[in-house]
Amino acid sequence: KGARFKTAADAASSSAWSLFSASNALENALEAEAQGKQELATSWKNSTTQYQVAADSWRQAAEALFEGDREKGERCKTAAEAAEKEADRLKETAQNHK
């Protein structure tokens, strides 16, 4: 039971981190937009969206794991990791944008 709560807490922590990353990406998108750099703003917005998807998937994983639904928790965790990987890729593209 203790391990289940720890795993759920780890997923909740990952959700918070993804929301923090989404916030940073959105801030960069708004800054790029203010500078008239629409293509760059779009790249940052795409990253923001993926971080939000990751955060939601991590939240769902945390809820499922807390409730003892390991199968759903693992599915949501896998989805969160995939969204995070894509968000990181989009972030890197935005950072390398000329």
C-alpha atoms as a PDB file:
ATOM      1  CA  LYS A   1       0.000   0.000   0.000  1.00  0.00           C
ATOM      2  CA  GLY A   2       2.840   2.416   0.815  1.00  0.00           C
ATOM      3  CA  ALA A   3       4.551   1.725  -2.514  1.00  0.00           C
ATOM      4  CA  ARG A   4       1.277   2.421  -4.321  1.00  0.00           C
ATOM      5  CA  PHE A   5       1.024   5.839  -2.669  1.00  0.00           C
ATOM      6  CA  LYS A   6       4.676   6.612  -3.446  1.00  0.00           C
ATOM      7  CA  THR A   7       4.173   5.728  -7.120  1.00  0.00           C
ATOM      8  CA  ALA A   8       1.037   7.869  -7.256  1.00  0.00           C
ATOM      9  CA  ALA A   9       2.887  10.759  -5.602  1.00  0.00           C
ATOM     10  CA  ASP A  10       5.728  10.455  -8.123  1.00  0.00           C
ATOM     11  CA  ALA A  11       3.211  10.680 -10.978  1.00  0.00           C
ATOM     12  CA  ALA A  12       1.581  13.723  -9.358  1.00  0.00           C
ATOM     13  CA  SER A  13       5.001  15.347  -9.065  1.00  0.00           C
ATOM     14  CA  SER A  14       5.656  14.670 -12.746  1.00  0.00           C
ATOM     15  CA  SER A  15       2.311  16.277 -13.564  1.00  0.00           C
ATOM     16  CA  ALA A  16       3.333  19.411 -11.677  1.00  0.00           C
ATOM     17  CA  TRP A  17       6.676  19.495 -13.492  1.00  0.00           C
ATOM     18  CA  SER A  18       4.916  19.184 -16.870  1.00  0.00           C
ATOM     19  CA  LEU A  19       2.616  22.088 -15.945  1.00  0.00           C
ATOM     20  CA  PHE A  20       5.667  24.159 -14.997  1.00  0.00           C
ATOM     21  CA  SER A  21       7.243  23.317 -18.372  1.00  0.00           C
ATOM     22  CA  ALA A  22       3.998  24.243 -20.151  1.00  0.00           C
ATOM     23  CA  SER A  23       3.996  27.580 -18.355  1.00  0.00           C
ATOM     24  CA  ASN A  24       7.560  28.305 -19.453  1.00  0.00           C
ATOM     25  CA  ALA A  25       6.818  27.343 -23.048  1.00  0.00           C
ATOM     26  CA  LEU A  26       3.705  29.545 -23.070  1.00  0.00           C
ATOM     27  CA  GLU A  27       5.728  32.459 -21.733  1.00  0.00           C
ATOM     28  CA  ASN A  28       8.181  31.981 -24.617  1.00  0.00           C
ATOM     29  CA  ALA A  29       5.304  31.776 -27.103  1.00  0.00           C
ATOM     30  CA  LEU A  30       3.830  35.059 -25.867  1.00  0.00           C
ATOM     31  CA  GLU A  31       7.236  36.728 -26.029  1.00  0.00           C
ATOM     32  CA  ALA A  32       7.800  35.516 -29.602  1.00  0.00           C
ATOM     33  CA  GLU A  33       4.322  36.710 -30.570  1.00  0.00           C
ATOM     34  CA  ALA A  34       5.011  40.156 -29.087  1.00  0.00           C
ATOM     35  CA  GLN A  35       8.148  40.309 -31.221  1.00  0.00           C
ATOM     36  CA  GLY A  36       6.182  39.419 -34.356  1.00  0.00           C
ATOM     37  CA  LYS A  37       7.859  36.016 -34.680  1.00  0.00           C
ATOM     38  CA  GLN A  38       4.745  34.020 -35.500  1.00  0.00           C
ATOM     39  CA  GLU A  39       6.492  30.828 -36.638  1.00  0.00           C
ATOM     40  CA  LEU A  40       8.537  30.706 -33.439  1.00  0.00           C
ATOM     41  CA  ALA A  41       5.437  31.443 -31.362  1.00  0.00           C
ATOM     42  CA  THR A  42       3.673  28.521 -33.033  1.00  0.00           C
ATOM     43  CA  SER A  43       6.570  26.199 -32.198  1.00  0.00           C
ATOM     44  CA  TRP A  44       6.406  27.232 -28.555  1.00  0.00           C
ATOM     45  CA  LYS A  45       2.605  26.873 -28.490  1.00  0.00           C
ATOM     46  CA  ASN A  46       2.917  23.334 -29.871  1.00  0.00           C
ATOM     47  CA  SER A  47       5.366  22.529 -27.091  1.00  0.00           C
ATOM     48  CA  THR A  48       2.980  24.065 -24.552  1.00  0.00           C
ATOM     49  CA  THR A  49       0.149  21.854 -25.785  1.00  0.00           C
ATOM     50  CA  GLN A  50       2.214  18.683 -25.506  1.00  0.00           C
ATOM     51  CA  TYR A  51       3.352  19.569 -21.987  1.00  0.00           C
ATOM     52  CA  GLN A  52      -0.317  20.087 -21.061  1.00  0.00           C
ATOM     53  CA  VAL A  53      -1.165  16.662 -22.502  1.00  0.00           C
ATOM     54  CA  ALA A  54       1.699  15.171 -20.490  1.00  0.00           C
ATOM     55  CA  ALA A  55       0.521  16.905 -17.308  1.00  0.00           C
ATOM     56  CA  ASP A  56      -3.013  15.590 -17.771  1.00  0.00           C
ATOM     57  CA  SER A  57      -1.767  12.068 -18.483  1.00  0.00           C
ATOM     58  CA  TRP A  58       0.469  12.156 -15.399  1.00  0.00           C
ATOM     59  CA  ARG A  59      -2.532  13.349 -13.343  1.00  0.00           C
ATOM     60  CA  GLN A  60      -4.623  10.462 -14.660  1.00  0.00           C
ATOM     61  CA  ALA A  61      -1.785   8.052 -13.875  1.00  0.00           C
ATOM     62  CA  ALA A  62      -1.559   9.405 -10.331  1.00  0.00           C
ATOM     63  CA  GLU A  63      -5.293   8.985  -9.793  1.00  0.00           C
ATOM     64  CA  ALA A  64      -5.335   5.459 -11.201  1.00  0.00           C
ATOM     65  CA  LEU A  65      -2.290   4.375  -9.210  1.00  0.00           C
ATOM     66  CA  PHE A  66      -3.710   5.890  -6.023  1.00  0.00           C
ATOM     67  CA  GLU A  67      -6.930   3.926  -6.598  1.00  0.00           C
ATOM     68  CA  GLY A  68      -4.933   0.737  -7.187  1.00  0.00           C
ATOM     69  CA  ASP A  69      -5.615   0.489 -10.932  1.00  0.00           C
ATOM     70  CA  ARG A  70      -2.063  -0.382 -11.938  1.00  0.00           C
ATOM     71  CA  GLU A  71      -2.952  -1.229 -15.555  1.00  0.00           C
ATOM     72  CA  LYS A  72      -4.591   2.150 -16.223  1.00  0.00           C
ATOM     73  CA  GLY A  73      -1.826   3.882 -14.294  1.00  0.00           C
ATOM     74  CA  GLU A  74       0.839   2.323 -16.514  1.00  0.00           C
ATOM     75  CA  ARG A  75      -1.118   3.185 -19.686  1.00  0.00           C
ATOM     76  CA  CYS A  76      -1.401   6.808 -18.596  1.00  0.00           C
ATOM     77  CA  LYS A  77       2.254   6.898 -17.576  1.00  0.00           C
ATOM     78  CA  THR A  78       3.270   5.629 -21.031  1.00  0.00           C
ATOM     79  CA  ALA A  79       1.091   8.292 -22.674  1.00  0.00           C
ATOM     80  CA  ALA A  80       2.585  10.977 -20.419  1.00  0.00           C
ATOM     81  CA  GLU A  81       6.133   9.932 -21.250  1.00  0.00           C
ATOM     82  CA  ALA A  82       5.371   9.998 -24.989  1.00  0.00           C
ATOM     83  CA  ALA A  83       3.791  13.464 -24.754  1.00  0.00           C
ATOM     84  CA  GLU A  84       6.721  14.731 -22.701  1.00  0.00           C
ATOM     85  CA  LYS A  85       9.207  13.375 -25.240  1.00  0.00           C
ATOM     86  CA  GLU A  86       7.344  15.152 -28.047  1.00  0.00           C
ATOM     87  CA  ALA A  87       7.111  18.359 -26.006  1.00  0.00           C
ATOM     88  CA  ASP A  88      10.852  18.254 -25.369  1.00  0.00           C
ATOM     89  CA  ARG A  89      11.482  17.720 -29.093  1.00  0.00           C
ATOM     90  CA  LEU A  90       9.271  20.694 -29.963  1.00  0.00           C
ATOM     91  CA  LYS A  91      10.974  22.798 -27.294  1.00  0.00           C
ATOM     92  CA  GLU A  92      14.370  21.968 -28.770  1.00  0.00           C
ATOM     93  CA  THR A  93      13.109  22.922 -32.237  1.00  0.00           C
ATOM     94  CA  ALA A  94      11.866  26.246 -30.889  1.00  0.00           C
ATOM     95  CA  GLN A  95      15.137  26.897 -29.067  1.00  0.00           C
ATOM     96  CA  ASN A  96      17.099  26.226 -32.285  1.00  0.00           C
ATOM     97  CA  HIS A  97      14.798  28.371 -34.411  1.00  0.00           C
ATOM     98  CA  LYS A  98      16.615  31.078 -36.337  1.00  0.00           C
END
